[in-house]
Amino acid sequence: MTVPRSFFERDPVELAPLLLGAVLSHETADGRVAIRLSELEAYRGVGEDPGSHSNRGRTPRNEVMFGEPAHLYAYFSYGMHTCLNIVTRPGGSASALLLRGATVVEGIELARVRRGGAPDRDLARGPARLSIALGVPLAATGADLLASPFELRVPREPVAFAAGPRTGVNGAGGGTAYPWRFWIPGDEGVSPYRRHAGAHA
């Protein structure tokens, strides 16, 4: 079902389980690809979350996180990969949900081309793969996910989920005190868990 922007004006830790199973689609000149979200990571705002890009305040990179909810925050990771996030909470709160894993449910042929013939289960299993399969570039940061060329539909009823430490987050933010990775158990779109070597216990 479609939901109003106010649906996203909540703590990302609360919102993440409600978006598991949601379908996000993106239309380009090449066609439309839709994914079903199976794994998300929550990141809170300034001074709340040592693993968040916004923890130390506003910068040119994270500016979108301080804006209106349900907009796209895209960033470049390791100089190679575009990662996609949904901004949450009211403007100024600087919280977001990282789209970590998904399954392609529409436009699979186009997603296969974009992913260079990867196995179907790996088309969107991981944040970098997900952005490529959807055809969303870094330049799309700030886009409204509730407006064309995007569409976001949320399950009518929450799905069963599991939670645990976030993947690849250094320092305290990657430890067990921050069990803010949420996923659908047994779903093929869930990425492998990798604990960062510098994460606190």
N, C-alpha and C. Protein backbone atom coordinates (compact mmCIF):
# COMPACT_ATOMS: atom_id res chain seq x y z
N MET A 1 0.84 -1.19 0.00
CA MET A 1 0.00 0.00 0.00
C MET A 1 0.88 1.24 0.00
N THR A 2 0.35 2.33 -0.55
CA THR A 2 1.08 3.59 -0.50
C THR A 2 0.81 4.26 0.84
N VAL A 3 1.78 5.02 1.32
CA VAL A 3 1.65 5.66 2.62
C VAL A 3 2.04 7.13 2.50
N PRO A 4 1.55 7.99 3.41
CA PRO A 4 1.90 9.41 3.36
C PRO A 4 3.31 9.63 3.90
N ARG A 5 3.85 10.80 3.65
CA ARG A 5 5.19 11.13 4.13
C ARG A 5 5.29 11.02 5.65
N SER A 6 4.20 11.32 6.34
CA SER A 6 4.22 11.26 7.80
C SER A 6 4.55 9.86 8.33
N PHE A 7 4.32 8.83 7.51
CA PHE A 7 4.65 7.46 7.90
C PHE A 7 6.14 7.33 8.21
N PHE A 8 6.97 8.12 7.54
CA PHE A 8 8.42 8.05 7.69
C PHE A 8 8.96 8.97 8.79
N GLU A 9 8.06 9.71 9.44
CA GLU A 9 8.48 10.64 10.49
C GLU A 9 8.57 9.93 11.83
N ARG A 10 9.40 8.90 11.89
CA ARG A 10 9.56 8.14 13.12
C ARG A 10 11.00 7.64 13.21
N ASP A 11 11.35 7.21 14.41
CA ASP A 11 12.68 6.69 14.67
C ASP A 11 13.00 5.58 13.67
N PRO A 12 14.20 5.58 13.06
CA PRO A 12 14.51 4.55 12.08
C PRO A 12 14.52 3.14 12.67
N VAL A 13 14.82 3.03 13.96
CA VAL A 13 14.81 1.71 14.60
C VAL A 13 13.38 1.17 14.66
N GLU A 14 12.42 2.05 14.82
CA GLU A 14 11.01 1.66 14.82
C GLU A 14 10.50 1.43 13.39
N LEU A 15 10.99 2.24 12.46
CA LEU A 15 10.49 2.18 11.09
C LEU A 15 11.02 0.98 10.32
N ALA A 16 12.25 0.58 10.58
CA ALA A 16 12.89 -0.48 9.79
C ALA A 16 12.04 -1.74 9.66
N PRO A 17 11.52 -2.30 10.77
CA PRO A 17 10.72 -3.53 10.62
C PRO A 17 9.46 -3.32 9.78
N LEU A 18 8.93 -2.11 9.78
CA LEU A 18 7.71 -1.83 9.03
C LEU A 18 7.97 -1.76 7.52
N LEU A 19 9.24 -1.53 7.14
CA LEU A 19 9.58 -1.43 5.73
C LEU A 19 10.12 -2.73 5.15
N LEU A 20 10.37 -3.71 6.00
CA LEU A 20 10.76 -5.02 5.47
C LEU A 20 9.60 -5.60 4.66
N GLY A 21 9.91 -6.04 3.46
CA GLY A 21 8.86 -6.52 2.56
C GLY A 21 8.28 -5.43 1.68
N ALA A 22 8.67 -4.17 1.91
CA ALA A 22 8.21 -3.08 1.05
C ALA A 22 8.81 -3.24 -0.35
N VAL A 23 8.11 -2.74 -1.36
CA VAL A 23 8.57 -2.81 -2.74
C VAL A 23 8.91 -1.40 -3.23
N LEU A 24 10.17 -1.25 -3.63
CA LEU A 24 10.66 0.03 -4.16
C LEU A 24 10.95 -0.16 -5.64
N SER A 25 10.40 0.70 -6.48
CA SER A 25 10.64 0.61 -7.91
C SER A 25 11.25 1.90 -8.43
N HIS A 26 11.98 1.76 -9.53
CA HIS A 26 12.64 2.91 -10.16
C HIS A 26 12.52 2.77 -11.67
N GLU A 27 11.99 3.81 -12.29
CA GLU A 27 11.76 3.83 -13.74
C GLU A 27 12.86 4.65 -14.41
N THR A 28 13.48 4.09 -15.46
CA THR A 28 14.46 4.81 -16.26
C THR A 28 14.10 4.66 -17.72
N ALA A 29 14.90 5.27 -18.58
CA ALA A 29 14.66 5.14 -20.02
C ALA A 29 14.79 3.69 -20.47
N ASP A 30 15.55 2.90 -19.74
CA ASP A 30 15.75 1.49 -20.09
C ASP A 30 14.60 0.59 -19.63
N GLY A 31 13.82 1.07 -18.69
CA GLY A 31 12.73 0.26 -18.16
C GLY A 31 12.60 0.42 -16.66
N ARG A 32 11.77 -0.44 -16.08
CA ARG A 32 11.43 -0.36 -14.66
C ARG A 32 11.96 -1.61 -13.94
N VAL A 33 12.58 -1.37 -12.79
CA VAL A 33 13.00 -2.46 -11.92
C VAL A 33 12.40 -2.21 -10.54
N ALA A 34 11.88 -3.27 -9.93
CA ALA A 34 11.32 -3.17 -8.58
C ALA A 34 12.00 -4.22 -7.70
N ILE A 35 12.26 -3.84 -6.45
CA ILE A 35 12.87 -4.76 -5.49
C ILE A 35 12.00 -4.85 -4.23
N ARG A 36 12.03 -6.01 -3.60
CA ARG A 36 11.37 -6.20 -2.30
C ARG A 36 12.45 -6.17 -1.23
N LEU A 37 12.32 -5.23 -0.30
CA LEU A 37 13.35 -5.02 0.72
C LEU A 37 13.35 -6.16 1.73
N SER A 38 14.52 -6.75 1.94
CA SER A 38 14.63 -7.87 2.88
C SER A 38 15.62 -7.60 4.00
N GLU A 39 16.37 -6.49 3.92
CA GLU A 39 17.37 -6.19 4.94
C GLU A 39 17.61 -4.69 4.99
N LEU A 40 17.56 -4.13 6.20
CA LEU A 40 17.75 -2.69 6.41
C LEU A 40 18.61 -2.46 7.64
N GLU A 41 19.33 -1.34 7.65
CA GLU A 41 20.07 -0.93 8.84
C GLU A 41 19.65 0.48 9.24
N ALA A 42 19.37 0.67 10.54
CA ALA A 42 18.93 1.97 11.04
C ALA A 42 20.12 2.78 11.55
N TYR A 43 20.09 4.08 11.24
CA TYR A 43 21.13 5.02 11.69
C TYR A 43 20.45 6.26 12.24
N ARG A 44 20.71 6.54 13.51
CA ARG A 44 20.11 7.71 14.15
C ARG A 44 20.95 8.97 13.89
N GLY A 45 20.52 10.09 14.50
CA GLY A 45 21.07 11.39 14.16
C GLY A 45 22.24 11.88 14.99
N VAL A 46 22.42 13.19 14.97
CA VAL A 46 23.57 13.86 15.59
C VAL A 46 23.71 13.49 17.06
N GLY A 47 24.88 13.01 17.44
CA GLY A 47 25.17 12.71 18.84
C GLY A 47 24.49 11.47 19.38
N GLU A 48 23.72 10.75 18.56
CA GLU A 48 22.97 9.59 19.03
C GLU A 48 23.58 8.26 18.61
N ASP A 49 24.39 8.29 17.56
CA ASP A 49 24.78 7.04 16.91
C ASP A 49 26.19 7.17 16.34
N PRO A 50 27.19 6.54 16.99
CA PRO A 50 28.57 6.66 16.50
C PRO A 50 28.80 6.03 15.14
N GLY A 51 27.85 5.25 14.65
CA GLY A 51 28.00 4.64 13.33
C GLY A 51 27.37 5.43 12.21
N SER A 52 26.69 6.54 12.56
CA SER A 52 25.94 7.30 11.56
C SER A 52 26.79 8.39 10.91
N HIS A 53 26.55 8.64 9.62
CA HIS A 53 27.23 9.72 8.92
C HIS A 53 26.91 11.08 9.51
N SER A 54 25.78 11.20 10.19
CA SER A 54 25.37 12.49 10.73
C SER A 54 25.79 12.69 12.19
N ASN A 55 26.48 11.74 12.78
CA ASN A 55 26.74 11.80 14.22
C ASN A 55 27.48 13.06 14.65
N ARG A 56 28.38 13.55 13.80
CA ARG A 56 29.18 14.74 14.16
C ARG A 56 28.63 16.03 13.58
N GLY A 57 27.45 15.97 12.99
CA GLY A 57 26.83 17.18 12.49
C GLY A 57 26.73 17.24 10.98
N ARG A 58 26.25 18.36 10.50
CA ARG A 58 25.95 18.56 9.09
C ARG A 58 27.23 18.77 8.27
N THR A 59 27.29 18.12 7.12
CA THR A 59 28.37 18.30 6.17
C THR A 59 27.78 18.32 4.76
N PRO A 60 28.55 18.74 3.75
CA PRO A 60 28.02 18.67 2.38
C PRO A 60 27.60 17.26 1.99
N ARG A 61 28.31 16.25 2.49
CA ARG A 61 27.99 14.87 2.12
C ARG A 61 26.65 14.42 2.69
N ASN A 62 26.38 14.76 3.97
CA ASN A 62 25.19 14.22 4.63
C ASN A 62 24.02 15.20 4.68
N GLU A 63 24.11 16.30 3.96
CA GLU A 63 23.09 17.34 4.00
C GLU A 63 21.68 16.80 3.82
N VAL A 64 21.51 15.84 2.93
CA VAL A 64 20.19 15.30 2.65
C VAL A 64 19.58 14.65 3.89
N MET A 65 20.39 14.09 4.77
CA MET A 65 19.88 13.45 5.98
C MET A 65 19.15 14.42 6.89
N PHE A 66 19.45 15.70 6.78
CA PHE A 66 18.83 16.72 7.62
C PHE A 66 17.54 17.27 7.00
N GLY A 67 17.18 16.75 5.85
CA GLY A 67 16.01 17.25 5.14
C GLY A 67 14.74 16.46 5.41
N GLU A 68 13.82 16.57 4.48
CA GLU A 68 12.48 15.98 4.60
C GLU A 68 12.57 14.45 4.55
N PRO A 69 11.76 13.75 5.36
CA PRO A 69 11.78 12.29 5.32
C PRO A 69 11.25 11.74 3.99
N ALA A 70 11.58 10.45 3.76
CA ALA A 70 11.19 9.73 2.54
C ALA A 70 11.94 10.23 1.31
N HIS A 71 13.05 10.93 1.52
CA HIS A 71 13.93 11.29 0.42
C HIS A 71 15.13 10.35 0.42
N LEU A 72 15.80 10.29 -0.71
CA LEU A 72 16.92 9.38 -0.90
C LEU A 72 18.22 10.04 -0.47
N TYR A 73 18.96 9.36 0.40
CA TYR A 73 20.33 9.77 0.72
C TYR A 73 21.26 8.74 0.10
N ALA A 74 22.01 9.14 -0.92
CA ALA A 74 22.95 8.25 -1.59
C ALA A 74 24.37 8.71 -1.27
N TYR A 75 25.25 7.76 -1.05
CA TYR A 75 26.65 8.10 -0.80
C TYR A 75 27.56 7.07 -1.46
N PHE A 76 28.81 7.48 -1.66
CA PHE A 76 29.81 6.63 -2.29
C PHE A 76 30.61 5.94 -1.20
N SER A 77 30.75 4.63 -1.29
CA SER A 77 31.45 3.83 -0.28
C SER A 77 32.72 3.23 -0.87
N TYR A 78 33.82 3.38 -0.15
CA TYR A 78 35.12 2.82 -0.55
C TYR A 78 35.54 3.28 -1.94
N GLY A 79 35.05 4.44 -2.35
CA GLY A 79 35.44 4.98 -3.64
C GLY A 79 34.94 4.19 -4.83
N MET A 80 34.02 3.26 -4.60
CA MET A 80 33.57 2.38 -5.67
C MET A 80 32.07 2.20 -5.77
N HIS A 81 31.37 2.19 -4.63
CA HIS A 81 29.99 1.72 -4.59
C HIS A 81 29.03 2.82 -4.14
N THR A 82 27.87 2.89 -4.79
CA THR A 82 26.80 3.78 -4.35
C THR A 82 25.87 3.01 -3.42
N CYS A 83 25.62 3.57 -2.25
CA CYS A 83 24.70 2.98 -1.27
C CYS A 83 23.50 3.90 -1.11
N LEU A 84 22.32 3.31 -0.94
CA LEU A 84 21.07 4.06 -0.89
C LEU A 84 20.43 3.99 0.50
N ASN A 85 19.88 5.12 0.94
CA ASN A 85 19.23 5.22 2.24
C ASN A 85 17.92 5.98 2.11
N ILE A 86 16.99 5.68 3.01
CA ILE A 86 15.74 6.43 3.12
C ILE A 86 15.85 7.33 4.35
N VAL A 87 15.69 8.64 4.15
CA VAL A 87 15.73 9.59 5.27
C VAL A 87 14.47 9.41 6.11
N THR A 88 14.64 9.42 7.44
CA THR A 88 13.50 9.23 8.35
C THR A 88 13.43 10.37 9.37
N ARG A 89 12.40 10.34 10.16
CA ARG A 89 12.12 11.34 11.21
C ARG A 89 11.90 12.73 10.61
N PRO A 90 11.38 13.67 11.38
CA PRO A 90 11.13 15.01 10.85
C PRO A 90 12.43 15.68 10.40
N GLY A 91 12.31 16.65 9.49
CA GLY A 91 13.47 17.36 8.99
C GLY A 91 14.34 17.90 10.12
N GLY A 92 15.67 17.75 9.95
CA GLY A 92 16.62 18.20 10.95
C GLY A 92 17.11 17.11 11.87
N SER A 93 16.42 15.97 11.87
CA SER A 93 16.80 14.88 12.78
C SER A 93 17.97 14.05 12.26
N ALA A 94 18.16 14.04 10.95
CA ALA A 94 19.31 13.41 10.31
C ALA A 94 19.42 11.92 10.59
N SER A 95 18.32 11.20 10.48
CA SER A 95 18.32 9.75 10.62
C SER A 95 18.00 9.12 9.27
N ALA A 96 18.40 7.85 9.10
CA ALA A 96 18.17 7.20 7.82
C ALA A 96 18.21 5.69 7.96
N LEU A 97 17.70 5.02 6.94
CA LEU A 97 17.74 3.56 6.85
C LEU A 97 18.54 3.16 5.62
N LEU A 98 19.60 2.41 5.81
CA LEU A 98 20.39 1.88 4.70
C LEU A 98 19.67 0.67 4.09
N LEU A 99 19.53 0.68 2.77
CA LEU A 99 18.94 -0.45 2.06
C LEU A 99 20.06 -1.47 1.82
N ARG A 100 20.09 -2.52 2.65
CA ARG A 100 21.21 -3.46 2.60
C ARG A 100 20.98 -4.64 1.66
N GLY A 101 19.75 -5.09 1.53
CA GLY A 101 19.52 -6.27 0.71
C GLY A 101 18.08 -6.34 0.24
N ALA A 102 17.89 -6.96 -0.93
CA ALA A 102 16.55 -7.05 -1.51
C ALA A 102 16.53 -8.14 -2.58
N THR A 103 15.32 -8.45 -3.02
CA THR A 103 15.10 -9.39 -4.12
C THR A 103 14.41 -8.65 -5.25
N VAL A 104 14.87 -8.85 -6.47
CA VAL A 104 14.23 -8.22 -7.63
C VAL A 104 12.90 -8.92 -7.91
N VAL A 105 11.83 -8.14 -7.98
CA VAL A 105 10.50 -8.72 -8.21
C VAL A 105 9.85 -8.22 -9.51
N GLU A 106 10.50 -7.29 -10.18
CA GLU A 106 10.03 -6.80 -11.48
C GLU A 106 11.22 -6.29 -12.26
N GLY A 107 11.24 -6.53 -13.56
CA GLY A 107 12.33 -6.07 -14.40
C GLY A 107 13.60 -6.88 -14.23
N ILE A 108 13.45 -8.17 -13.98
CA ILE A 108 14.62 -8.99 -13.67
C ILE A 108 15.59 -9.06 -14.85
N GLU A 109 15.09 -9.03 -16.07
CA GLU A 109 15.99 -9.09 -17.23
C GLU A 109 16.90 -7.86 -17.27
N LEU A 110 16.32 -6.69 -17.01
CA LEU A 110 17.10 -5.46 -16.99
C LEU A 110 18.10 -5.49 -15.83
N ALA A 111 17.67 -5.98 -14.68
CA ALA A 111 18.57 -6.08 -13.53
C ALA A 111 19.73 -7.02 -13.83
N ARG A 112 19.46 -8.10 -14.54
CA ARG A 112 20.53 -9.04 -14.92
C ARG A 112 21.57 -8.36 -15.81
N VAL A 113 21.10 -7.56 -16.76
CA VAL A 113 22.02 -6.84 -17.64
C VAL A 113 22.87 -5.88 -16.82
N ARG A 114 22.24 -5.13 -15.95
CA ARG A 114 22.97 -4.16 -15.13
C ARG A 114 24.00 -4.82 -14.22
N ARG A 115 23.68 -6.02 -13.77
CA ARG A 115 24.57 -6.73 -12.85
C ARG A 115 25.50 -7.70 -13.56
N GLY A 116 25.54 -7.65 -14.88
CA GLY A 116 26.52 -8.41 -15.63
C GLY A 116 26.38 -9.91 -15.53
N GLY A 117 25.15 -10.38 -15.46
CA GLY A 117 24.93 -11.83 -15.45
C GLY A 117 25.12 -12.48 -14.10
N ALA A 118 25.06 -11.71 -13.03
CA ALA A 118 25.16 -12.30 -11.68
C ALA A 118 23.99 -13.24 -11.44
N PRO A 119 24.14 -14.24 -10.56
CA PRO A 119 23.02 -15.12 -10.21
C PRO A 119 21.83 -14.30 -9.70
N ASP A 120 20.64 -14.76 -9.97
CA ASP A 120 19.45 -13.99 -9.60
C ASP A 120 19.41 -13.67 -8.11
N ARG A 121 19.82 -14.58 -7.25
CA ARG A 121 19.76 -14.32 -5.81
C ARG A 121 20.71 -13.21 -5.39
N ASP A 122 21.73 -12.92 -6.24
CA ASP A 122 22.71 -11.90 -5.91
C ASP A 122 22.46 -10.56 -6.61
N LEU A 123 21.38 -10.43 -7.34
CA LEU A 123 21.15 -9.21 -8.11
C LEU A 123 21.08 -7.98 -7.22
N ALA A 124 20.46 -8.11 -6.04
CA ALA A 124 20.31 -6.96 -5.14
C ALA A 124 20.66 -7.33 -3.70
N ARG A 125 21.47 -8.36 -3.53
CA ARG A 125 21.83 -8.86 -2.20
C ARG A 125 23.11 -8.17 -1.74
N GLY A 126 22.94 -7.01 -1.11
CA GLY A 126 24.05 -6.15 -0.71
C GLY A 126 23.79 -4.74 -1.21
N PRO A 127 24.21 -3.71 -0.46
CA PRO A 127 23.83 -2.33 -0.81
C PRO A 127 24.35 -1.86 -2.16
N ALA A 128 25.57 -2.23 -2.54
CA ALA A 128 26.10 -1.79 -3.84
C ALA A 128 25.38 -2.49 -4.98
N ARG A 129 25.14 -3.79 -4.85
CA ARG A 129 24.42 -4.54 -5.87
C ARG A 129 23.01 -3.99 -6.04
N LEU A 130 22.39 -3.65 -4.93
CA LEU A 130 21.02 -3.14 -4.92
C LEU A 130 20.91 -1.86 -5.76
N SER A 131 21.83 -0.92 -5.55
CA SER A 131 21.77 0.35 -6.28
C SER A 131 21.99 0.15 -7.76
N ILE A 132 22.88 -0.80 -8.13
CA ILE A 132 23.13 -1.08 -9.54
C ILE A 132 21.90 -1.71 -10.19
N ALA A 133 21.33 -2.71 -9.52
CA ALA A 133 20.15 -3.38 -10.06
C ALA A 133 19.00 -2.41 -10.30
N LEU A 134 18.81 -1.48 -9.37
CA LEU A 134 17.75 -0.48 -9.50
C LEU A 134 18.07 0.60 -10.53
N GLY A 135 19.36 0.75 -10.86
CA GLY A 135 19.75 1.81 -11.79
C GLY A 135 19.71 3.19 -11.17
N VAL A 136 20.03 3.27 -9.86
CA VAL A 136 20.00 4.56 -9.16
C VAL A 136 21.44 5.05 -8.97
N PRO A 137 21.81 6.19 -9.58
CA PRO A 137 23.17 6.71 -9.46
C PRO A 137 23.34 7.59 -8.22
N LEU A 138 24.59 7.87 -7.92
CA LEU A 138 24.90 8.76 -6.79
C LEU A 138 24.22 10.11 -6.94
N ALA A 139 24.11 10.59 -8.17
CA ALA A 139 23.51 11.91 -8.44
C ALA A 139 22.04 11.99 -8.05
N ALA A 140 21.41 10.84 -7.78
CA ALA A 140 19.99 10.85 -7.41
C ALA A 140 19.78 11.22 -5.95
N THR A 141 20.84 11.42 -5.18
CA THR A 141 20.67 11.78 -3.78
C THR A 141 19.77 13.00 -3.65
N GLY A 142 18.87 12.94 -2.71
CA GLY A 142 17.90 14.02 -2.52
C GLY A 142 16.57 13.78 -3.21
N ALA A 143 16.49 12.77 -4.06
CA ALA A 143 15.25 12.49 -4.78
C ALA A 143 14.13 12.09 -3.83
N ASP A 144 12.91 12.43 -4.18
CA ASP A 144 11.74 12.07 -3.40
C ASP A 144 11.32 10.65 -3.76
N LEU A 145 11.37 9.74 -2.80
CA LEU A 145 11.03 8.35 -3.06
C LEU A 145 9.53 8.12 -3.16
N LEU A 146 8.74 9.16 -2.88
CA LEU A 146 7.29 9.06 -3.00
C LEU A 146 6.78 9.69 -4.30
N ALA A 147 7.70 9.98 -5.21
CA ALA A 147 7.32 10.62 -6.47
C ALA A 147 8.09 9.99 -7.62
N SER A 148 7.55 10.13 -8.83
CA SER A 148 8.21 9.61 -10.03
C SER A 148 9.63 10.17 -10.14
N PRO A 149 10.61 9.34 -10.54
CA PRO A 149 10.52 8.00 -11.14
C PRO A 149 10.53 6.85 -10.12
N PHE A 150 10.29 7.17 -8.85
CA PHE A 150 10.27 6.14 -7.82
C PHE A 150 8.83 5.83 -7.41
N GLU A 151 8.65 4.64 -6.85
CA GLU A 151 7.40 4.27 -6.20
C GLU A 151 7.75 3.36 -5.04
N LEU A 152 7.13 3.60 -3.89
CA LEU A 152 7.41 2.80 -2.69
C LEU A 152 6.10 2.33 -2.09
N ARG A 153 5.93 1.02 -2.01
CA ARG A 153 4.71 0.44 -1.46
C ARG A 153 5.08 -0.41 -0.24
N VAL A 154 4.34 -0.20 0.83
CA VAL A 154 4.63 -0.81 2.14
C VAL A 154 3.65 -1.95 2.40
N PRO A 155 4.10 -3.06 3.03
CA PRO A 155 3.18 -4.15 3.34
C PRO A 155 2.04 -3.69 4.24
N ARG A 156 0.88 -4.26 4.06
CA ARG A 156 -0.27 -3.90 4.91
C ARG A 156 -0.06 -4.39 6.35
N GLU A 157 0.63 -5.50 6.49
CA GLU A 157 0.92 -6.05 7.82
C GLU A 157 2.42 -6.28 7.95
N PRO A 158 3.00 -5.97 9.12
CA PRO A 158 4.44 -6.20 9.30
C PRO A 158 4.79 -7.67 9.13
N VAL A 159 5.98 -7.93 8.61
CA VAL A 159 6.46 -9.30 8.42
C VAL A 159 7.30 -9.71 9.64
N ALA A 160 7.49 -11.01 9.80
CA ALA A 160 8.37 -11.51 10.86
C ALA A 160 9.80 -11.10 10.53
N PHE A 161 10.56 -10.71 11.56
CA PHE A 161 11.91 -10.23 11.31
C PHE A 161 12.86 -10.63 12.43
N ALA A 162 14.15 -10.51 12.15
CA ALA A 162 15.20 -10.70 13.14
C ALA A 162 16.03 -9.42 13.20
N ALA A 163 16.78 -9.25 14.28
CA ALA A 163 17.61 -8.06 14.44
C ALA A 163 18.95 -8.44 15.05
N GLY A 164 19.97 -7.64 14.73
CA GLY A 164 21.30 -7.89 15.28
C GLY A 164 22.22 -6.73 14.95
N PRO A 165 23.51 -6.84 15.29
CA PRO A 165 24.48 -5.77 15.03
C PRO A 165 24.57 -5.44 13.54
N ARG A 166 24.92 -4.21 13.26
CA ARG A 166 25.05 -3.76 11.88
C ARG A 166 26.32 -4.33 11.24
N THR A 167 26.30 -4.40 9.91
CA THR A 167 27.40 -5.01 9.16
C THR A 167 28.48 -3.99 8.84
N GLY A 168 29.73 -4.36 9.09
CA GLY A 168 30.87 -3.57 8.64
C GLY A 168 31.01 -2.20 9.27
N VAL A 169 30.39 -1.96 10.43
CA VAL A 169 30.49 -0.66 11.09
C VAL A 169 31.62 -0.71 12.10
N ASN A 170 32.51 0.26 12.04
CA ASN A 170 33.68 0.30 12.91
C ASN A 170 33.32 0.88 14.28
N GLY A 171 34.11 0.55 15.30
CA GLY A 171 33.96 1.15 16.62
C GLY A 171 32.69 0.73 17.33
N ALA A 172 32.27 1.58 18.28
CA ALA A 172 31.11 1.26 19.12
C ALA A 172 29.84 1.04 18.32
N GLY A 173 29.69 1.78 17.22
CA GLY A 173 28.47 1.68 16.43
C GLY A 173 28.26 0.32 15.79
N GLY A 174 29.31 -0.49 15.74
CA GLY A 174 29.17 -1.81 15.15
C GLY A 174 29.00 -2.92 16.16
N GLY A 175 28.90 -2.55 17.44
CA GLY A 175 28.82 -3.56 18.49
C GLY A 175 27.40 -3.99 18.81
N THR A 176 27.32 -4.85 19.80
CA THR A 176 26.02 -5.43 20.18
C THR A 176 25.09 -4.42 20.85
N ALA A 177 25.63 -3.27 21.26
CA ALA A 177 24.79 -2.21 21.84
C ALA A 177 23.92 -1.54 20.78
N TYR A 178 24.22 -1.82 19.51
CA TYR A 178 23.46 -1.22 18.41
C TYR A 178 22.93 -2.33 17.50
N PRO A 179 21.94 -3.09 17.97
CA PRO A 179 21.38 -4.19 17.17
C PRO A 179 20.36 -3.67 16.17
N TRP A 180 20.82 -2.81 15.27
CA TRP A 180 19.93 -2.05 14.41
C TRP A 180 19.99 -2.50 12.95
N ARG A 181 20.40 -3.73 12.74
CA ARG A 181 20.26 -4.38 11.43
C ARG A 181 19.04 -5.28 11.52
N PHE A 182 18.12 -5.13 10.57
CA PHE A 182 16.86 -5.87 10.57
C PHE A 182 16.73 -6.64 9.27
N TRP A 183 16.29 -7.88 9.35
CA TRP A 183 16.17 -8.67 8.14
C TRP A 183 15.04 -9.70 8.25
N ILE A 184 14.62 -10.20 7.09
CA ILE A 184 13.61 -11.25 7.03
C ILE A 184 14.32 -12.59 7.03
N PRO A 185 14.19 -13.38 8.08
CA PRO A 185 14.90 -14.66 8.15
C PRO A 185 14.58 -15.56 6.97
N GLY A 186 15.62 -16.15 6.39
CA GLY A 186 15.44 -17.09 5.29
C GLY A 186 15.24 -16.45 3.94
N ASP A 187 15.16 -15.13 3.87
CA ASP A 187 14.95 -14.46 2.59
C ASP A 187 16.25 -14.46 1.77
N GLU A 188 16.15 -14.77 0.48
CA GLU A 188 17.33 -14.84 -0.38
C GLU A 188 18.01 -13.49 -0.56
N GLY A 189 17.29 -12.40 -0.33
CA GLY A 189 17.87 -11.08 -0.53
C GLY A 189 18.73 -10.59 0.61
N VAL A 190 18.81 -11.34 1.71
CA VAL A 190 19.60 -10.92 2.86
C VAL A 190 21.08 -11.16 2.58
N SER A 191 21.92 -10.15 2.83
CA SER A 191 23.35 -10.25 2.56
C SER A 191 24.07 -10.98 3.69
N PRO A 192 25.25 -11.52 3.42
CA PRO A 192 26.02 -12.18 4.49
C PRO A 192 26.43 -11.17 5.55
N TYR A 193 26.37 -11.58 6.82
CA TYR A 193 26.78 -10.69 7.91
C TYR A 193 28.30 -10.69 8.03
N ARG A 194 28.87 -9.48 8.08
CA ARG A 194 30.32 -9.35 8.27
C ARG A 194 30.57 -8.36 9.39
N ARG A 195 31.11 -8.82 10.47
CA ARG A 195 31.45 -7.96 11.60
C ARG A 195 32.75 -7.23 11.29
N HIS A 196 32.78 -5.91 11.48
CA HIS A 196 33.99 -5.14 11.23
C HIS A 196 35.04 -5.51 12.28
N ALA A 197 36.30 -5.59 11.84
CA ALA A 197 37.37 -5.99 12.77
C ALA A 197 37.51 -5.02 13.93
N GLY A 198 37.13 -3.75 13.71
CA GLY A 198 37.27 -2.76 14.78
C GLY A 198 36.00 -2.53 15.58
N ALA A 199 34.99 -3.35 15.38
CA ALA A 199 33.73 -3.16 16.09
C ALA A 199 33.87 -3.59 17.55
N HIS A 200 33.22 -2.84 18.44
CA HIS A 200 33.24 -3.18 19.85
C HIS A 200 32.28 -4.33 20.13
N ALA A 201 32.59 -5.11 21.14
CA ALA A 201 31.71 -6.24 21.52
C ALA A 201 30.43 -5.72 22.13
